[in-house]
Amino acid sequence: YTCNNCEEFVTRDFVRVFGDSDDEVFGCPACMNMREVMNGAAASGRSA
């Protein structure tokens, strides 16, 4: 699995928790801060 924003590796568990229903993430700790990730930005691709 990789982040669709920065192409950094993400774990399967990260995708399961923070990704969308298609098992994709649009942000990760390498390109977003954890506050954004925890607020849902990783699944939607926009700052949350």
All heavy atoms as atom14 arrays in JSON, in Angstrom:
{
  "sequence": "YTCNNCEEFVTRDFVRVFGDSDDEVFGCPACMNMREVMNGAAASGRSA",
  "atom14_mask": [
    [1, 1, 1, 1, 1, 1, 1, 1, 1, 1, 1, 1, 0, 0],
    [1, 1, 1, 1, 1, 1, 1, 0, 0, 0, 0, 0, 0, 0],
    [1, 1, 1, 1, 1, 1, 0, 0, 0, 0, 0, 0, 0, 0],
    [1, 1, 1, 1, 1, 1, 1, 1, 0, 0, 0, 0, 0, 0],
    [1, 1, 1, 1, 1, 1, 1, 1, 0, 0, 0, 0, 0, 0],
    [1, 1, 1, 1, 1, 1, 0, 0, 0, 0, 0, 0, 0, 0],
    [1, 1, 1, 1, 1, 1, 1, 1, 1, 0, 0, 0, 0, 0],
    [1, 1, 1, 1, 1, 1, 1, 1, 1, 0, 0, 0, 0, 0],
    [1, 1, 1, 1, 1, 1, 1, 1, 1, 1, 1, 0, 0, 0],
    [1, 1, 1, 1, 1, 1, 1, 0, 0, 0, 0, 0, 0, 0],
    [1, 1, 1, 1, 1, 1, 1, 0, 0, 0, 0, 0, 0, 0],
    [1, 1, 1, 1, 1, 1, 1, 1, 1, 1, 1, 0, 0, 0],
    [1, 1, 1, 1, 1, 1, 1, 1, 0, 0, 0, 0, 0, 0],
    [1, 1, 1, 1, 1, 1, 1, 1, 1, 1, 1, 0, 0, 0],
    [1, 1, 1, 1, 1, 1, 1, 0, 0, 0, 0, 0, 0, 0],
    [1, 1, 1, 1, 1, 1, 1, 1, 1, 1, 1, 0, 0, 0],
    [1, 1, 1, 1, 1, 1, 1, 0, 0, 0, 0, 0, 0, 0],
    [1, 1, 1, 1, 1, 1, 1, 1, 1, 1, 1, 0, 0, 0],
    [1, 1, 1, 1, 0, 0, 0, 0, 0, 0, 0, 0, 0, 0],
    [1, 1, 1, 1, 1, 1, 1, 1, 0, 0, 0, 0, 0, 0],
    [1, 1, 1, 1, 1, 1, 0, 0, 0, 0, 0, 0, 0, 0],
    [1, 1, 1, 1, 1, 1, 1, 1, 0, 0, 0, 0, 0, 0],
    [1, 1, 1, 1, 1, 1, 1, 1, 0, 0, 0, 0, 0, 0],
    [1, 1, 1, 1, 1, 1, 1, 1, 1, 0, 0, 0, 0, 0],
    [1, 1, 1, 1, 1, 1, 1, 0, 0, 0, 0, 0, 0, 0],
    [1, 1, 1, 1, 1, 1, 1, 1, 1, 1, 1, 0, 0, 0],
    [1, 1, 1, 1, 0, 0, 0, 0, 0, 0, 0, 0, 0, 0],
    [1, 1, 1, 1, 1, 1, 0, 0, 0, 0, 0, 0, 0, 0],
    [1, 1, 1, 1, 1, 1, 1, 0, 0, 0, 0, 0, 0, 0],
    [1, 1, 1, 1, 1, 0, 0, 0, 0, 0, 0, 0, 0, 0],
    [1, 1, 1, 1, 1, 1, 0, 0, 0, 0, 0, 0, 0, 0],
    [1, 1, 1, 1, 1, 1, 1, 1, 0, 0, 0, 0, 0, 0],
    [1, 1, 1, 1, 1, 1, 1, 1, 0, 0, 0, 0, 0, 0],
    [1, 1, 1, 1, 1, 1, 1, 1, 0, 0, 0, 0, 0, 0],
    [1, 1, 1, 1, 1, 1, 1, 1, 1, 1, 1, 0, 0, 0],
    [1, 1, 1, 1, 1, 1, 1, 1, 1, 0, 0, 0, 0, 0],
    [1, 1, 1, 1, 1, 1, 1, 0, 0, 0, 0, 0, 0, 0],
    [1, 1, 1, 1, 1, 1, 1, 1, 0, 0, 0, 0, 0, 0],
    [1, 1, 1, 1, 1, 1, 1, 1, 0, 0, 0, 0, 0, 0],
    [1, 1, 1, 1, 0, 0, 0, 0, 0, 0, 0, 0, 0, 0],
    [1, 1, 1, 1, 1, 0, 0, 0, 0, 0, 0, 0, 0, 0],
    [1, 1, 1, 1, 1, 0, 0, 0, 0, 0, 0, 0, 0, 0],
    [1, 1, 1, 1, 1, 0, 0, 0, 0, 0, 0, 0, 0, 0],
    [1, 1, 1, 1, 1, 1, 0, 0, 0, 0, 0, 0, 0, 0],
    [1, 1, 1, 1, 0, 0, 0, 0, 0, 0, 0, 0, 0, 0],
    [1, 1, 1, 1, 1, 1, 1, 1, 1, 1, 1, 0, 0, 0],
    [1, 1, 1, 1, 1, 1, 0, 0, 0, 0, 0, 0, 0, 0],
    [1, 1, 1, 1, 1, 0, 0, 0, 0, 0, 0, 0, 0, 0]
  ],
  "atom14_positions": [
    [[0.83, -1.2, 0.0], [0.0, 0.0, 0.0], [0.87, 1.25, 0.0], [1.91, 1.3, 0.65], [-0.89, 0.03, 1.24], [-1.9, -1.09, 1.27], [-1.69, -2.24, 2.02], [-3.07, -0.99, 0.54], [-2.63, -3.25, 2.05], [-4.02, -2.0, 0.56], [-3.79, -3.13, 1.32], [-4.72, -4.12, 1.34], [0.0, 0.0, 0.0], [0.0, 0.0, 0.0]],
    [[0.43, 2.26, -0.75], [1.13, 3.54, -0.77], [0.12, 4.67, -0.67], [-1.05, 4.52, -1.01], [1.96, 3.72, -2.06], [1.08, 3.63, -3.18], [3.07, 2.7, -2.17], [0.0, 0.0, 0.0], [0.0, 0.0, 0.0], [0.0, 0.0, 0.0], [0.0, 0.0, 0.0], [0.0, 0.0, 0.0], [0.0, 0.0, 0.0], [0.0, 0.0, 0.0]],
    [[0.6, 5.81, -0.24], [-0.2, 7.02, -0.17], [-0.4, 7.55, -1.59], [0.57, 7.65, -2.35], [0.52, 8.05, 0.7], [-0.23, 9.68, 0.7], [0.0, 0.0, 0.0], [0.0, 0.0, 0.0], [0.0, 0.0, 0.0], [0.0, 0.0, 0.0], [0.0, 0.0, 0.0], [0.0, 0.0, 0.0], [0.0, 0.0, 0.0], [0.0, 0.0, 0.0]],
    [[-1.61, 7.88, -1.94], [-1.88, 8.42, -3.28], [-1.4, 9.86, -3.44], [-1.32, 10.36, -4.56], [-3.36, 8.33, -3.61], [-3.8, 6.93, -3.89], [-3.03, 6.1, -4.36], [-5.05, 6.63, -3.62], [0.0, 0.0, 0.0], [0.0, 0.0, 0.0], [0.0, 0.0, 0.0], [0.0, 0.0, 0.0], [0.0, 0.0, 0.0], [0.0, 0.0, 0.0]],
    [[-1.08, 10.51, -2.35], [-0.61, 11.89, -2.41], [0.9, 11.96, -2.62], [1.37, 12.65, -3.51], [-1.02, 12.64, -1.14], [-0.7, 14.1, -1.2], [-0.86, 14.75, -2.22], [-0.24, 14.64, -0.09], [0.0, 0.0, 0.0], [0.0, 0.0, 0.0], [0.0, 0.0, 0.0], [0.0, 0.0, 0.0], [0.0, 0.0, 0.0], [0.0, 0.0, 0.0]],
    [[1.66, 11.23, -1.8], [3.12, 11.34, -1.87], [3.82, 10.04, -2.25], [5.03, 10.01, -2.38], [3.66, 11.84, -0.53], [3.52, 10.64, 0.82], [0.0, 0.0, 0.0], [0.0, 0.0, 0.0], [0.0, 0.0, 0.0], [0.0, 0.0, 0.0], [0.0, 0.0, 0.0], [0.0, 0.0, 0.0], [0.0, 0.0, 0.0], [0.0, 0.0, 0.0]],
    [[3.05, 8.95, -2.41], [3.56, 7.65, -2.8], [4.45, 7.0, -1.74], [5.19, 6.06, -2.04], [4.27, 7.73, -4.15], [3.39, 8.39, -5.19], [3.44, 7.73, -6.53], [4.25, 6.84, -6.73], [2.64, 8.16, -7.37], [0.0, 0.0, 0.0], [0.0, 0.0, 0.0], [0.0, 0.0, 0.0], [0.0, 0.0, 0.0], [0.0, 0.0, 0.0]],
    [[4.37, 7.45, -0.51], [5.1, 6.85, 0.61], [4.41, 5.56, 1.02], [3.19, 5.42, 0.93], [5.13, 7.83, 1.78], [6.06, 7.47, 2.89], [7.52, 7.66, 2.53], [7.84, 8.48, 1.66], [8.35, 6.97, 3.14], [0.0, 0.0, 0.0], [0.0, 0.0, 0.0], [0.0, 0.0, 0.0], [0.0, 0.0, 0.0], [0.0, 0.0, 0.0]],
    [[5.18, 4.57, 1.49], [4.62, 3.31, 1.96], [3.75, 3.55, 3.19], [4.1, 4.33, 4.07], [5.76, 2.34, 2.33], [5.28, 1.13, 3.08], [4.66, 0.09, 2.41], [5.43, 1.04, 4.45], [4.2, -1.02, 3.1], [4.98, -0.06, 5.15], [4.36, -1.1, 4.47], [0.0, 0.0, 0.0], [0.0, 0.0, 0.0], [0.0, 0.0, 0.0]],
    [[2.6, 2.89, 3.23], [1.74, 2.86, 4.42], [1.37, 1.41, 4.69], [1.29, 0.59, 3.77], [0.46, 3.72, 4.25], [0.79, 5.2, 4.21], [-0.33, 3.33, 3.04], [0.0, 0.0, 0.0], [0.0, 0.0, 0.0], [0.0, 0.0, 0.0], [0.0, 0.0, 0.0], [0.0, 0.0, 0.0], [0.0, 0.0, 0.0], [0.0, 0.0, 0.0]],
    [[1.14, 1.09, 5.94], [0.83, -0.28, 6.3], [-0.62, -0.62, 5.97], [-1.47, 0.26, 5.82], [1.06, -0.54, 7.8], [0.13, 0.25, 8.54], [2.49, -0.2, 8.2], [0.0, 0.0, 0.0], [0.0, 0.0, 0.0], [0.0, 0.0, 0.0], [0.0, 0.0, 0.0], [0.0, 0.0, 0.0], [0.0, 0.0, 0.0], [0.0, 0.0, 0.0]],
    [[-0.9, -1.89, 5.9], [-2.25, -2.37, 5.67], [-3.18, -1.89, 6.78], [-4.32, -1.5, 6.54], [-2.26, -3.89, 5.59], [-3.64, -4.49, 5.35], [-3.59, -5.99, 5.16], [-2.92, -6.68, 6.25], [-3.53, -7.16, 7.34], [-4.81, -7.03, 7.48], [-2.84, -7.78, 8.27], [0.0, 0.0, 0.0], [0.0, 0.0, 0.0], [0.0, 0.0, 0.0]],
    [[-2.68, -1.91, 8.01], [-3.48, -1.44, 9.14], [-3.78, 0.06, 9.04], [-4.89, 0.5, 9.37], [-2.79, -1.73, 10.47], [-2.81, -3.21, 10.81], [-3.69, -3.94, 10.3], [-1.94, -3.64, 11.58], [0.0, 0.0, 0.0], [0.0, 0.0, 0.0], [0.0, 0.0, 0.0], [0.0, 0.0, 0.0], [0.0, 0.0, 0.0], [0.0, 0.0, 0.0]],
    [[-2.83, 0.85, 8.58], [-3.07, 2.29, 8.39], [-4.18, 2.49, 7.37], [-5.09, 3.29, 7.58], [-1.78, 3.0, 7.95], [-1.95, 4.48, 7.8], [-1.76, 5.32, 8.88], [-2.32, 5.04, 6.58], [-1.93, 6.69, 8.76], [-2.49, 6.41, 6.44], [-2.29, 7.24, 7.54], [0.0, 0.0, 0.0], [0.0, 0.0, 0.0], [0.0, 0.0, 0.0]],
    [[-4.13, 1.75, 6.28], [-5.16, 1.86, 5.24], [-6.51, 1.42, 5.78], [-7.53, 2.06, 5.53], [-4.77, 1.03, 4.0], [-5.9, 0.99, 2.99], [-3.51, 1.57, 3.36], [0.0, 0.0, 0.0], [0.0, 0.0, 0.0], [0.0, 0.0, 0.0], [0.0, 0.0, 0.0], [0.0, 0.0, 0.0], [0.0, 0.0, 0.0], [0.0, 0.0, 0.0]],
    [[-6.54, 0.36, 6.56], [-7.79, -0.14, 7.13], [-8.43, 0.89, 8.04], [-9.64, 1.11, 8.01], [-7.53, -1.43, 7.9], [-8.78, -2.03, 8.54], [-8.47, -3.33, 9.27], [-7.4, -3.2, 10.24], [-7.55, -2.74, 11.48], [-8.72, -2.34, 11.9], [-6.52, -2.68, 12.29], [0.0, 0.0, 0.0], [0.0, 0.0, 0.0], [0.0, 0.0, 0.0]],
    [[-7.61, 1.57, 8.85], [-8.14, 2.53, 9.82], [-8.42, 3.89, 9.19], [-9.47, 4.49, 9.43], [-7.17, 2.68, 11.01], [-7.62, 3.78, 11.95], [-7.03, 1.36, 11.76], [0.0, 0.0, 0.0], [0.0, 0.0, 0.0], [0.0, 0.0, 0.0], [0.0, 0.0, 0.0], [0.0, 0.0, 0.0], [0.0, 0.0, 0.0], [0.0, 0.0, 0.0]],
    [[-7.51, 4.39, 8.37], [-7.62, 5.76, 7.88], [-7.99, 5.9, 6.41], [-8.24, 7.0, 5.93], [-6.3, 6.51, 8.12], [-5.94, 6.62, 9.56], [-4.87, 5.92, 10.08], [-6.69, 7.41, 10.42], [-4.53, 6.02, 11.41], [-6.37, 7.52, 11.76], [-5.28, 6.82, 12.26], [0.0, 0.0, 0.0], [0.0, 0.0, 0.0], [0.0, 0.0, 0.0]],
    [[-8.06, 4.8, 5.68], [-8.38, 4.85, 4.26], [-9.86, 4.9, 3.97], [-10.7, 4.87, 4.86], [0.0, 0.0, 0.0], [0.0, 0.0, 0.0], [0.0, 0.0, 0.0], [0.0, 0.0, 0.0], [0.0, 0.0, 0.0], [0.0, 0.0, 0.0], [0.0, 0.0, 0.0], [0.0, 0.0, 0.0], [0.0, 0.0, 0.0], [0.0, 0.0, 0.0]],
    [[-10.16, 4.96, 2.68], [-11.56, 4.98, 2.27], [-12.08, 3.56, 2.06], [-11.36, 2.58, 2.3], [-11.75, 5.86, 1.02], [-11.05, 5.33, -0.22], [-10.53, 4.19, -0.2], [-11.03, 6.05, -1.22], [0.0, 0.0, 0.0], [0.0, 0.0, 0.0], [0.0, 0.0, 0.0], [0.0, 0.0, 0.0], [0.0, 0.0, 0.0], [0.0, 0.0, 0.0]],
    [[-13.28, 3.43, 1.57], [-13.89, 2.11, 1.4], [-13.27, 1.31, 0.26], [-13.51, 0.11, 0.14], [-15.4, 2.26, 1.16], [-15.64, 3.02, 0.0], [0.0, 0.0, 0.0], [0.0, 0.0, 0.0], [0.0, 0.0, 0.0], [0.0, 0.0, 0.0], [0.0, 0.0, 0.0], [0.0, 0.0, 0.0], [0.0, 0.0, 0.0], [0.0, 0.0, 0.0]],
    [[-12.45, 1.95, -0.57], [-11.74, 1.26, -1.65], [-10.29, 0.94, -1.27], [-9.48, 0.64, -2.15], [-11.75, 2.11, -2.91], [-13.15, 2.3, -3.47], [-13.96, 1.34, -3.39], [-13.44, 3.4, -3.96], [0.0, 0.0, 0.0], [0.0, 0.0, 0.0], [0.0, 0.0, 0.0], [0.0, 0.0, 0.0], [0.0, 0.0, 0.0], [0.0, 0.0, 0.0]],
    [[-9.97, 1.01, 0.03], [-8.61, 0.75, 0.53], [-7.57, 1.67, -0.1], [-6.5, 1.25, -0.5], [-8.21, -0.71, 0.33], [-8.98, -1.64, 1.24], [-9.46, -1.18, 2.29], [-9.07, -2.84, 0.92], [0.0, 0.0, 0.0], [0.0, 0.0, 0.0], [0.0, 0.0, 0.0], [0.0, 0.0, 0.0], [0.0, 0.0, 0.0], [0.0, 0.0, 0.0]],
    [[-7.9, 2.94, -0.19], [-6.97, 3.94, -0.68], [-6.81, 5.03, 0.37], [-7.76, 5.36, 1.08], [-7.47, 4.57, -1.97], [-7.55, 3.59, -3.12], [-7.89, 4.29, -4.42], [-7.21, 5.28, -4.75], [-8.84, 3.84, -5.08], [0.0, 0.0, 0.0], [0.0, 0.0, 0.0], [0.0, 0.0, 0.0], [0.0, 0.0, 0.0], [0.0, 0.0, 0.0]],
    [[-5.61, 5.58, 0.46], [-5.37, 6.73, 1.33], [-4.82, 7.87, 0.49], [-4.07, 7.66, -0.46], [-4.41, 6.42, 2.5], [-5.04, 5.48, 3.49], [-3.09, 5.87, 2.03], [0.0, 0.0, 0.0], [0.0, 0.0, 0.0], [0.0, 0.0, 0.0], [0.0, 0.0, 0.0], [0.0, 0.0, 0.0], [0.0, 0.0, 0.0], [0.0, 0.0, 0.0]],
    [[-5.23, 9.08, 0.83], [-4.83, 10.27, 0.08], [-4.0, 11.2, 0.94], [-3.86, 12.37, 0.63], [-6.09, 10.98, -0.45], [-6.88, 10.1, -1.37], [-7.92, 9.34, -0.89], [-6.55, 10.01, -2.71], [-8.65, 8.51, -1.73], [-7.26, 9.19, -3.57], [-8.31, 8.44, -3.07], [0.0, 0.0, 0.0], [0.0, 0.0, 0.0], [0.0, 0.0, 0.0]],
    [[-3.44, 10.66, 2.01], [-2.57, 11.39, 2.91], [-2.03, 10.44, 3.96], [-2.69, 9.45, 4.3], [0.0, 0.0, 0.0], [0.0, 0.0, 0.0], [0.0, 0.0, 0.0], [0.0, 0.0, 0.0], [0.0, 0.0, 0.0], [0.0, 0.0, 0.0], [0.0, 0.0, 0.0], [0.0, 0.0, 0.0], [0.0, 0.0, 0.0], [0.0, 0.0, 0.0]],
    [[-0.83, 10.7, 4.42], [-0.19, 9.84, 5.41], [0.67, 10.71, 6.32], [0.82, 11.91, 6.07], [0.63, 8.77, 4.72], [2.1, 9.41, 3.87], [0.0, 0.0, 0.0], [0.0, 0.0, 0.0], [0.0, 0.0, 0.0], [0.0, 0.0, 0.0], [0.0, 0.0, 0.0], [0.0, 0.0, 0.0], [0.0, 0.0, 0.0], [0.0, 0.0, 0.0]],
    [[1.26, 10.14, 7.36], [2.11, 10.95, 8.25], [3.31, 11.6, 7.56], [3.86, 12.56, 8.06], [2.57, 9.94, 9.3], [1.49, 8.93, 9.34], [1.03, 8.81, 7.91], [0.0, 0.0, 0.0], [0.0, 0.0, 0.0], [0.0, 0.0, 0.0], [0.0, 0.0, 0.0], [0.0, 0.0, 0.0], [0.0, 0.0, 0.0], [0.0, 0.0, 0.0]],
    [[3.68, 11.12, 6.39], [4.8, 11.72, 5.66], [4.39, 13.03, 4.98], [5.23, 13.91, 4.77], [5.34, 10.75, 4.63], [0.0, 0.0, 0.0], [0.0, 0.0, 0.0], [0.0, 0.0, 0.0], [0.0, 0.0, 0.0], [0.0, 0.0, 0.0], [0.0, 0.0, 0.0], [0.0, 0.0, 0.0], [0.0, 0.0, 0.0], [0.0, 0.0, 0.0]],
    [[3.11, 13.19, 4.63], [2.69, 14.38, 3.9], [1.59, 15.18, 4.6], [1.19, 16.22, 4.1], [2.26, 14.02, 2.48], [0.84, 12.92, 2.37], [0.0, 0.0, 0.0], [0.0, 0.0, 0.0], [0.0, 0.0, 0.0], [0.0, 0.0, 0.0], [0.0, 0.0, 0.0], [0.0, 0.0, 0.0], [0.0, 0.0, 0.0], [0.0, 0.0, 0.0]],
    [[1.11, 14.68, 5.74], [0.1, 15.38, 6.55], [0.5, 15.27, 8.01], [1.21, 14.34, 8.38], [-1.28, 14.71, 6.42], [-1.95, 14.84, 5.12], [-3.58, 14.1, 5.23], [-4.27, 14.71, 3.73], [0.0, 0.0, 0.0], [0.0, 0.0, 0.0], [0.0, 0.0, 0.0], [0.0, 0.0, 0.0], [0.0, 0.0, 0.0], [0.0, 0.0, 0.0]],
    [[0.01, 16.2, 8.8], [0.23, 16.02, 10.23], [-0.83, 15.06, 10.76], [-1.87, 14.84, 10.13], [0.27, 17.36, 10.97], [-1.04, 18.11, 10.92], [-2.09, 17.55, 11.18], [-0.97, 19.39, 10.59], [0.0, 0.0, 0.0], [0.0, 0.0, 0.0], [0.0, 0.0, 0.0], [0.0, 0.0, 0.0], [0.0, 0.0, 0.0], [0.0, 0.0, 0.0]],
    [[-0.58, 14.46, 11.9], [-1.49, 13.45, 12.43], [-2.85, 14.03, 12.79], [-3.85, 13.32, 12.77], [-0.86, 12.74, 13.63], [0.16, 11.69, 13.24], [-0.43, 10.48, 12.02], [-1.64, 9.57, 12.97], [0.0, 0.0, 0.0], [0.0, 0.0, 0.0], [0.0, 0.0, 0.0], [0.0, 0.0, 0.0], [0.0, 0.0, 0.0], [0.0, 0.0, 0.0]],
    [[-2.92, 15.31, 13.08], [-4.22, 15.92, 13.35], [-5.12, 15.84, 12.12], [-6.3, 15.52, 12.21], [-4.02, 17.36, 13.79], [-5.3, 18.05, 14.19], [-4.99, 19.42, 14.72], [-6.2, 20.08, 15.13], [-6.26, 21.35, 15.46], [-5.16, 22.09, 15.43], [-7.39, 21.89, 15.83], [0.0, 0.0, 0.0], [0.0, 0.0, 0.0], [0.0, 0.0, 0.0]],
    [[-4.56, 16.12, 10.95], [-5.32, 16.01, 9.71], [-5.73, 14.57, 9.44], [-6.87, 14.3, 9.06], [-4.49, 16.54, 8.54], [-4.26, 18.03, 8.57], [-3.29, 18.48, 7.5], [-2.24, 17.85, 7.31], [-3.61, 19.49, 6.84], [0.0, 0.0, 0.0], [0.0, 0.0, 0.0], [0.0, 0.0, 0.0], [0.0, 0.0, 0.0], [0.0, 0.0, 0.0]],
    [[-4.79, 13.64, 9.63], [-5.08, 12.23, 9.4], [-6.21, 11.77, 10.32], [-7.17, 11.13, 9.88], [-3.81, 11.36, 9.61], [-4.14, 9.89, 9.57], [-2.76, 11.7, 8.55], [0.0, 0.0, 0.0], [0.0, 0.0, 0.0], [0.0, 0.0, 0.0], [0.0, 0.0, 0.0], [0.0, 0.0, 0.0], [0.0, 0.0, 0.0], [0.0, 0.0, 0.0]],
    [[-6.13, 12.1, 11.6], [-7.13, 11.68, 12.57], [-8.49, 12.3, 12.3], [-9.52, 11.72, 12.64], [-6.68, 12.02, 14.0], [-5.42, 11.31, 14.44], [-5.62, 9.57, 14.66], [-6.56, 9.54, 16.16], [0.0, 0.0, 0.0], [0.0, 0.0, 0.0], [0.0, 0.0, 0.0], [0.0, 0.0, 0.0], [0.0, 0.0, 0.0], [0.0, 0.0, 0.0]],
    [[-8.54, 13.45, 11.67], [-9.81, 14.12, 11.35], [-10.39, 13.69, 10.01], [-11.37, 14.25, 9.56], [-9.64, 15.64, 11.38], [-9.56, 16.18, 12.78], [-10.14, 15.6, 13.7], [-8.86, 17.27, 12.96], [0.0, 0.0, 0.0], [0.0, 0.0, 0.0], [0.0, 0.0, 0.0], [0.0, 0.0, 0.0], [0.0, 0.0, 0.0], [0.0, 0.0, 0.0]],
    [[-9.78, 12.71, 9.35], [-10.36, 12.15, 8.14], [-9.76, 12.6, 6.83], [-10.23, 12.18, 5.77], [0.0, 0.0, 0.0], [0.0, 0.0, 0.0], [0.0, 0.0, 0.0], [0.0, 0.0, 0.0], [0.0, 0.0, 0.0], [0.0, 0.0, 0.0], [0.0, 0.0, 0.0], [0.0, 0.0, 0.0], [0.0, 0.0, 0.0], [0.0, 0.0, 0.0]],
    [[-8.76, 13.42, 6.85], [-8.19, 13.92, 5.6], [-7.5, 12.83, 4.79], [-7.43, 12.92, 3.57], [-7.21, 15.06, 5.88], [0.0, 0.0, 0.0], [0.0, 0.0, 0.0], [0.0, 0.0, 0.0], [0.0, 0.0, 0.0], [0.0, 0.0, 0.0], [0.0, 0.0, 0.0], [0.0, 0.0, 0.0], [0.0, 0.0, 0.0], [0.0, 0.0, 0.0]],
    [[-7.02, 11.78, 5.42], [-6.34, 10.71, 4.7], [-7.3, 9.96, 3.78], [-6.91, 9.48, 2.72], [-5.67, 9.73, 5.66], [0.0, 0.0, 0.0], [0.0, 0.0, 0.0], [0.0, 0.0, 0.0], [0.0, 0.0, 0.0], [0.0, 0.0, 0.0], [0.0, 0.0, 0.0], [0.0, 0.0, 0.0], [0.0, 0.0, 0.0], [0.0, 0.0, 0.0]],
    [[-8.56, 9.88, 4.17], [-9.55, 9.18, 3.35], [-10.11, 10.07, 2.25], [-10.51, 9.59, 1.19], [-10.68, 8.66, 4.21], [0.0, 0.0, 0.0], [0.0, 0.0, 0.0], [0.0, 0.0, 0.0], [0.0, 0.0, 0.0], [0.0, 0.0, 0.0], [0.0, 0.0, 0.0], [0.0, 0.0, 0.0], [0.0, 0.0, 0.0], [0.0, 0.0, 0.0]],
    [[-10.13, 11.37, 2.48], [-10.79, 12.25, 1.52], [-9.82, 13.01, 0.62], [-10.22, 13.51, -0.4], [-11.66, 13.25, 2.26], [-10.86, 14.12, 3.05], [0.0, 0.0, 0.0], [0.0, 0.0, 0.0], [0.0, 0.0, 0.0], [0.0, 0.0, 0.0], [0.0, 0.0, 0.0], [0.0, 0.0, 0.0], [0.0, 0.0, 0.0], [0.0, 0.0, 0.0]],
    [[-8.58, 13.16, 1.07], [-7.62, 13.9, 0.27], [-7.65, 15.4, 0.45], [-6.98, 16.14, -0.25], [0.0, 0.0, 0.0], [0.0, 0.0, 0.0], [0.0, 0.0, 0.0], [0.0, 0.0, 0.0], [0.0, 0.0, 0.0], [0.0, 0.0, 0.0], [0.0, 0.0, 0.0], [0.0, 0.0, 0.0], [0.0, 0.0, 0.0], [0.0, 0.0, 0.0]],
    [[-8.45, 15.88, 1.39], [-8.5, 17.33, 1.64], [-8.2, 17.58, 3.1], [-8.37, 16.73, 3.93], [-9.86, 17.9, 1.27], [-11.02, 17.29, 1.99], [-12.34, 17.88, 1.49], [-13.44, 17.03, 1.8], [-13.96, 16.83, 3.0], [-13.44, 17.45, 4.04], [-14.96, 16.04, 3.21], [0.0, 0.0, 0.0], [0.0, 0.0, 0.0], [0.0, 0.0, 0.0]],
    [[-7.75, 18.75, 3.39], [-7.42, 19.12, 4.75], [-8.68, 19.13, 5.6], [-9.68, 19.72, 5.23], [-6.76, 20.49, 4.79], [-6.43, 20.82, 6.11], [0.0, 0.0, 0.0], [0.0, 0.0, 0.0], [0.0, 0.0, 0.0], [0.0, 0.0, 0.0], [0.0, 0.0, 0.0], [0.0, 0.0, 0.0], [0.0, 0.0, 0.0], [0.0, 0.0, 0.0]],
    [[-8.62, 18.44, 6.75], [-9.79, 18.37, 7.63], [-9.49, 18.97, 9.0], [-10.15, 18.68, 9.97], [-10.21, 16.91, 7.78], [0.0, 0.0, 0.0], [0.0, 0.0, 0.0], [0.0, 0.0, 0.0], [0.0, 0.0, 0.0], [0.0, 0.0, 0.0], [0.0, 0.0, 0.0], [0.0, 0.0, 0.0], [0.0, 0.0, 0.0], [0.0, 0.0, 0.0]]
  ]
}
